[in-house]
Amino acid sequence: MDTDFGFDDLWALLILKTRDVAPAGVSLVAGNAPLAQVTANALGANLAYGLSLPLFVGADRPLVREAETATAILGPKGMRSLGQELPEVPSDLDLPPVLPALINWLESAREGETRDILALGPLTNIARLIEVAPEAAAKITRLVWMGGSNGPGNHTPHAEYNAFADPEAVSIVAQSGLPFDVIDLTLCRKVQFTAADCPSCDQLTADLLGGYLQIAQERGRESMSIYDPVAAFAHLDPASFVFLPAHMHVTTERGSHYGATHFDPTSTSRTRLATAAPADLSGQCLGALSQDRNHGH
């Protein structure tokens, strides 16, 4: 799993946990917040939720462009809260680098073993892998990414945040020929929840979920879209989604459309755009938060 570790990234991990799916490792990338804060969030989540995730430190900046965080929307920690926050854990630990670990994990695959990656942030780490070790990257059996938009954006009028944060990385991945399933902004905006939908859960999770919902409420909306958890379900149960094979293009020329993604249907592409999700997906996502998690703090 590759993540810039905001709240919905944590939410996606909790969904995996309810399915007894433990990532072989979690690589961290600058995105929602600077890499140091992303690392602090991951360490705090490991402690608070007893996740025991093997963590690997990745890119602290995009391939080409200047860094663009979402802290203006998500707060300085890249994760809002109505009260309780993740425990603070010293973030100066010497975490291992992601690229050697990814290469070793991919090259160790035996015949018939899958090597699937769920990516929930900018694609910088994956693009670097493709550039540095293309033969290892070719062993990825499925890459599921929450990012891009087959329509309007959210960080700019034309671009979704994860694509806008590193368009050059998205372009490298899209052109790599890897099996690439895109869970885009347009689909995720169809999966929403309101305050009335919030499940009964522990105080920390309730406060983090409330902070996430507050993003929409401050903009005059009652409901908030669910992003990374939708990608988690697409990773777990792809047969419950509808996918359209498509050629994906991302605008890397600087200007008003920088980071915008476009999808042209074609039967020959290994990129697939998710166009429909299960009707009850919002309830499934929220239900994962009501599980007893035996906090470690």
Protein backbone atom coordinates (compact mmCIF):
# COMPACT_ATOMS: atom_id res chain seq x y z
CA MET A 1 0.00 0.00 0.00
CA ASP A 2 1.24 3.49 -0.90
CA THR A 3 -0.21 6.45 0.98
CA ASP A 4 0.08 10.11 1.97
CA PHE A 5 -1.82 9.19 5.17
CA GLY A 6 -4.74 11.49 5.69
CA PHE A 7 -7.89 10.35 7.46
CA ASP A 8 -9.44 8.57 4.51
CA ASP A 9 -6.16 6.68 3.98
CA LEU A 10 -6.47 5.49 7.59
CA TRP A 11 -10.13 4.66 6.92
CA ALA A 12 -9.07 2.51 3.95
CA LEU A 13 -6.59 0.65 6.17
CA LEU A 14 -9.29 -0.01 8.75
CA ILE A 15 -11.45 -1.50 5.99
CA LEU A 16 -8.61 -3.86 5.09
CA LYS A 17 -8.27 -4.75 8.75
CA THR A 18 -11.95 -5.73 9.03
CA ARG A 19 -11.34 -8.13 6.11
CA ASP A 20 -8.21 -9.54 7.80
CA VAL A 21 -6.09 -8.21 4.96
CA ALA A 22 -2.69 -7.03 6.19
CA PRO A 23 -0.52 -5.08 3.72
CA ALA A 24 2.95 -6.52 3.23
CA GLY A 25 4.14 -2.96 3.75
CA VAL A 26 3.00 0.64 3.67
CA SER A 27 5.08 3.15 1.74
CA LEU A 28 4.75 6.82 2.62
CA VAL A 29 4.77 9.73 0.21
CA ALA A 30 4.47 13.48 0.63
CA GLY A 31 1.05 14.69 -0.41
CA ASN A 32 -1.76 15.69 1.94
CA ALA A 33 1.00 16.99 4.21
CA PRO A 34 4.80 17.12 4.13
CA LEU A 35 6.50 13.75 4.46
CA ALA A 36 7.47 14.28 8.12
CA GLN A 37 3.81 14.79 9.04
CA VAL A 38 2.69 11.89 6.86
CA THR A 39 5.17 9.72 8.75
CA ALA A 40 3.93 11.01 12.11
CA ASN A 41 0.35 10.20 11.10
CA ALA A 42 1.30 6.66 10.10
CA LEU A 43 3.21 6.06 13.34
CA GLY A 44 0.35 7.47 15.40
CA ALA A 45 -2.19 5.27 13.60
CA ASN A 46 -0.04 2.20 14.18
CA LEU A 47 -0.12 2.92 17.91
CA ALA A 48 -3.74 4.04 18.22
CA TYR A 49 -5.27 1.24 16.17
CA GLY A 50 -2.82 -1.58 16.81
CA LEU A 51 -2.09 -1.88 13.10
CA SER A 52 1.56 -3.05 13.30
CA LEU A 53 2.12 -1.83 9.75
CA PRO A 54 5.63 -2.20 8.32
CA LEU A 55 6.37 1.39 7.27
CA PHE A 56 8.76 2.56 4.54
CA VAL A 57 9.69 6.13 3.78
CA GLY A 58 9.34 7.32 0.22
CA ALA A 59 9.43 10.52 -1.78
CA ASP A 60 9.42 13.82 0.07
CA ARG A 61 8.61 15.85 -3.07
CA PRO A 62 7.14 15.39 -6.56
CA LEU A 63 9.28 14.34 -9.51
CA VAL A 64 9.35 17.76 -11.18
CA ARG A 65 6.96 20.31 -9.78
CA GLU A 66 7.18 22.16 -6.48
CA ALA A 67 5.42 20.51 -3.56
CA GLU A 68 1.67 21.10 -3.27
CA THR A 69 0.01 19.94 -0.03
CA ALA A 70 -3.65 19.95 0.95
CA THR A 71 -3.04 21.38 4.44
CA ALA A 72 -5.04 24.52 3.62
CA ILE A 73 -8.10 22.24 3.54
CA LEU A 74 -7.09 19.39 5.83
CA GLY A 75 -5.21 21.36 8.49
CA PRO A 76 -1.50 21.29 9.33
CA LYS A 77 -1.55 17.59 10.15
CA GLY A 78 -3.34 16.67 6.94
CA MET A 79 -6.03 15.14 9.15
CA ARG A 80 -8.76 17.19 10.83
CA SER A 81 -10.42 16.28 14.12
CA LEU A 82 -13.30 17.56 16.24
CA GLY A 83 -11.36 16.66 19.39
CA GLN A 84 -9.08 13.67 19.89
CA GLU A 85 -6.13 13.25 17.55
CA LEU A 86 -3.72 10.44 16.81
CA PRO A 87 -1.11 10.04 19.54
CA GLU A 88 2.20 11.75 18.90
CA VAL A 89 5.01 9.31 18.27
CA PRO A 90 8.63 10.38 17.68
CA SER A 91 8.89 10.65 13.90
CA ASP A 92 12.68 10.69 13.78
CA LEU A 93 12.80 6.90 13.64
CA ASP A 94 15.08 5.56 10.94
CA LEU A 95 12.43 4.00 8.72
CA PRO A 96 13.75 1.96 5.80
CA PRO A 97 13.53 3.45 2.29
CA VAL A 98 10.72 2.25 0.09
CA LEU A 99 12.42 1.55 -3.24
CA PRO A 100 14.76 -1.27 -2.10
CA ALA A 101 11.89 -2.82 -0.14
CA LEU A 102 9.49 -2.61 -3.10
CA ILE A 103 12.04 -4.07 -5.50
CA ASN A 104 12.82 -6.95 -3.13
CA TRP A 105 9.10 -7.65 -2.57
CA LEU A 106 8.37 -7.69 -6.29
CA GLU A 107 11.39 -9.76 -7.26
CA SER A 108 10.65 -12.32 -4.52
CA ALA A 109 7.29 -13.22 -6.07
CA ARG A 110 7.01 -16.90 -6.90
CA GLU A 111 5.17 -18.17 -9.93
CA GLY A 112 1.45 -17.59 -9.48
CA GLU A 113 1.85 -15.12 -6.59
CA THR A 114 0.14 -11.77 -6.96
CA ARG A 115 1.83 -8.46 -6.27
CA ASP A 116 -1.01 -5.94 -6.00
CA ILE A 117 -0.57 -2.34 -4.84
CA LEU A 118 -3.24 0.00 -3.47
CA ALA A 119 -2.12 3.61 -4.01
CA LEU A 120 -3.97 6.38 -2.18
CA GLY A 121 -1.89 9.48 -2.81
CA PRO A 122 0.40 11.04 -5.40
CA LEU A 123 2.07 8.36 -7.55
CA THR A 124 5.63 9.58 -7.01
CA ASN A 125 6.90 6.38 -5.36
CA ILE A 126 5.43 4.15 -8.08
CA ALA A 127 6.82 6.34 -10.87
CA ARG A 128 10.27 6.26 -9.29
CA LEU A 129 10.06 2.48 -9.09
CA ILE A 130 9.23 2.31 -12.81
CA GLU A 131 12.16 4.58 -13.64
CA VAL A 132 14.73 2.89 -11.39
CA ALA A 133 13.70 -0.77 -11.70
CA PRO A 134 11.38 -1.32 -14.68
CA GLU A 135 11.81 -5.12 -14.61
CA ALA A 136 10.72 -5.26 -10.97
CA ALA A 137 7.84 -2.84 -11.62
CA ALA A 138 6.63 -5.12 -14.43
CA LYS A 139 5.91 -7.76 -11.79
CA ILE A 140 3.07 -5.63 -10.34
CA THR A 141 -0.05 -7.70 -11.03
CA ARG A 142 -2.54 -4.89 -10.30
CA LEU A 143 -2.20 -1.26 -9.28
CA VAL A 144 -5.34 0.34 -7.86
CA TRP A 145 -5.19 4.12 -7.54
CA MET A 146 -7.59 6.64 -6.05
CA GLY A 147 -6.90 9.65 -8.20
CA GLY A 148 -7.66 11.59 -11.33
CA SER A 149 -11.06 12.72 -12.54
CA ASN A 150 -13.13 11.88 -15.58
CA GLY A 151 -14.74 15.29 -15.14
CA PRO A 152 -14.18 18.40 -12.99
CA GLY A 153 -11.45 18.48 -10.38
CA ASN A 154 -11.45 19.28 -6.67
CA HIS A 155 -8.07 20.92 -6.03
CA THR A 156 -8.41 23.02 -9.16
CA PRO A 157 -11.40 23.35 -11.51
CA HIS A 158 -9.85 20.70 -13.77
CA ALA A 159 -7.61 18.53 -11.60
CA GLU A 160 -8.11 16.08 -8.74
CA TYR A 161 -5.58 16.54 -5.92
CA ASN A 162 -3.59 13.27 -6.17
CA ALA A 163 -3.07 13.90 -9.90
CA PHE A 164 -2.31 17.60 -9.47
CA ALA A 165 0.27 16.90 -6.75
CA ASP A 166 2.49 15.04 -9.23
CA PRO A 167 1.15 14.95 -12.82
CA GLU A 168 4.49 13.81 -14.21
CA ALA A 169 4.38 10.71 -11.98
CA VAL A 170 0.83 9.93 -13.14
CA SER A 171 1.97 10.21 -16.75
CA ILE A 172 4.83 7.74 -16.19
CA VAL A 173 2.49 5.21 -14.57
CA ALA A 174 -0.21 5.64 -17.22
CA GLN A 175 2.32 5.03 -20.01
CA SER A 176 4.00 2.07 -18.29
CA GLY A 177 1.54 -0.57 -19.47
CA LEU A 178 0.96 -1.85 -15.93
CA PRO A 179 -2.48 -3.26 -15.03
CA PHE A 180 -3.83 0.02 -13.68
CA ASP A 181 -7.31 0.42 -12.12
CA VAL A 182 -8.29 4.06 -11.55
CA ILE A 183 -10.90 4.94 -8.92
CA ASP A 184 -11.48 8.52 -9.89
CA LEU A 185 -13.01 11.58 -8.26
CA THR A 186 -16.19 11.35 -10.35
CA LEU A 187 -17.00 7.88 -9.04
CA CYS A 188 -16.06 8.68 -5.44
CA ARG A 189 -18.37 11.69 -5.43
CA LYS A 190 -21.27 9.27 -5.89
CA VAL A 191 -20.44 7.63 -2.54
CA GLN A 192 -21.36 10.07 0.23
CA PHE A 193 -22.42 10.24 3.87
CA THR A 194 -24.04 12.74 6.22
CA ALA A 195 -23.92 13.30 9.98
CA ALA A 196 -27.01 11.11 10.30
CA ASP A 197 -25.10 8.22 8.69
CA CYS A 198 -22.16 8.29 11.09
CA PRO A 199 -21.87 5.01 12.98
CA SER A 200 -21.36 4.54 16.70
CA CYS A 201 -17.62 4.14 17.18
CA ASP A 202 -14.82 4.98 19.60
CA GLN A 203 -14.19 8.66 20.36
CA LEU A 204 -10.99 9.01 18.37
CA THR A 205 -12.55 7.59 15.21
CA ALA A 206 -15.72 9.63 15.74
CA ASP A 207 -13.70 12.85 16.08
CA LEU A 208 -11.60 12.11 12.99
CA LEU A 209 -14.67 11.19 10.95
CA GLY A 210 -16.39 14.35 12.15
CA GLY A 211 -13.40 16.43 11.11
CA TYR A 212 -13.53 14.83 7.68
CA LEU A 213 -17.26 15.57 7.32
CA GLN A 214 -16.62 19.14 8.47
CA ILE A 215 -14.77 19.81 5.21
CA ALA A 216 -18.07 19.55 3.34
CA GLN A 217 -20.13 21.28 6.01
CA GLU A 218 -17.90 24.36 5.88
CA ARG A 219 -18.73 24.58 2.19
CA GLY A 220 -22.46 24.50 2.83
CA ARG A 221 -22.96 20.83 1.99
CA GLU A 222 -24.58 18.25 4.26
CA SER A 223 -22.80 15.28 2.73
CA MET A 224 -19.14 14.42 2.22
CA SER A 225 -17.68 12.22 -0.51
CA ILE A 226 -15.78 9.08 0.44
CA TYR A 227 -12.51 8.65 -1.47
CA ASP A 228 -9.79 6.22 -0.40
CA PRO A 229 -12.17 3.70 1.23
CA VAL A 230 -13.87 3.31 -2.15
CA ALA A 231 -10.51 2.38 -3.65
CA ALA A 232 -9.96 -0.08 -0.80
CA PHE A 233 -13.18 -1.89 -1.68
CA ALA A 234 -12.24 -1.87 -5.37
CA HIS A 235 -8.95 -3.48 -4.35
CA LEU A 236 -10.70 -6.10 -2.22
CA ASP A 237 -13.68 -6.89 -4.47
CA PRO A 238 -13.12 -5.72 -8.05
CA ALA A 239 -15.97 -7.87 -9.36
CA SER A 240 -18.48 -5.62 -7.56
CA PHE A 241 -17.34 -2.60 -9.62
CA VAL A 242 -17.82 -1.82 -13.29
CA PHE A 243 -14.59 -1.00 -15.15
CA LEU A 244 -14.11 0.54 -18.59
CA PRO A 245 -10.79 -0.05 -20.40
CA ALA A 246 -9.45 3.37 -21.34
CA HIS A 247 -6.37 5.21 -22.45
CA MET A 248 -5.46 7.72 -19.74
CA HIS A 249 -3.78 11.02 -20.46
CA VAL A 250 -2.69 13.63 -17.92
CA THR A 251 -1.85 17.24 -18.73
CA THR A 252 1.74 17.98 -17.75
CA GLU A 253 1.95 21.36 -19.45
CA ARG A 254 1.81 24.17 -16.89
CA GLY A 255 -1.38 26.19 -17.03
CA SER A 256 -5.00 26.07 -15.93
CA HIS A 257 -5.38 22.38 -16.91
CA TYR A 258 -2.17 21.16 -15.23
CA GLY A 259 -2.87 17.77 -13.65
CA ALA A 260 -6.17 17.25 -15.48
CA THR A 261 -6.81 13.64 -16.52
CA HIS A 262 -8.66 12.39 -19.58
CA PHE A 263 -9.92 8.90 -20.39
CA ASP A 264 -10.54 7.64 -23.91
CA PRO A 265 -12.30 4.25 -24.08
CA THR A 266 -10.27 1.59 -25.88
CA SER A 267 -10.33 -2.19 -25.69
CA THR A 268 -6.55 -2.48 -25.93
CA SER A 269 -5.54 -0.59 -22.79
CA ARG A 270 -4.48 -2.22 -19.50
CA THR A 271 -5.75 0.89 -17.72
CA ARG A 272 -9.33 0.59 -16.48
CA LEU A 273 -11.54 3.39 -15.18
CA ALA A 274 -14.11 2.41 -12.54
CA THR A 275 -17.49 3.74 -13.70
CA ALA A 276 -19.88 2.19 -11.16
CA ALA A 277 -19.67 0.95 -7.57
CA PRO A 278 -22.01 -1.12 -5.36
CA ALA A 279 -25.15 0.79 -4.37
CA ASP A 280 -24.59 0.18 -0.65
CA LEU A 281 -20.90 1.10 -0.67
CA SER A 282 -21.28 4.11 1.64
CA GLY A 283 -22.84 1.89 4.30
CA GLN A 284 -20.08 -0.69 3.88
CA CYS A 285 -17.41 1.97 4.31
CA LEU A 286 -19.04 3.42 7.42
CA GLY A 287 -19.72 -0.01 8.87
CA ALA A 288 -16.00 -0.72 8.94
CA LEU A 289 -15.56 2.16 11.42
CA SER A 290 -17.97 0.70 13.95
CA GLN A 291 -15.81 -2.36 14.55
CA ASP A 292 -14.11 -2.83 17.94
CA ARG A 293 -10.45 -2.05 17.35
CA ASN A 294 -8.80 -2.39 20.76
CA HIS A 295 -6.84 0.83 20.71
CA GLY A 296 -3.24 0.53 21.79
CA HIS A 297 -3.09 3.78 23.80
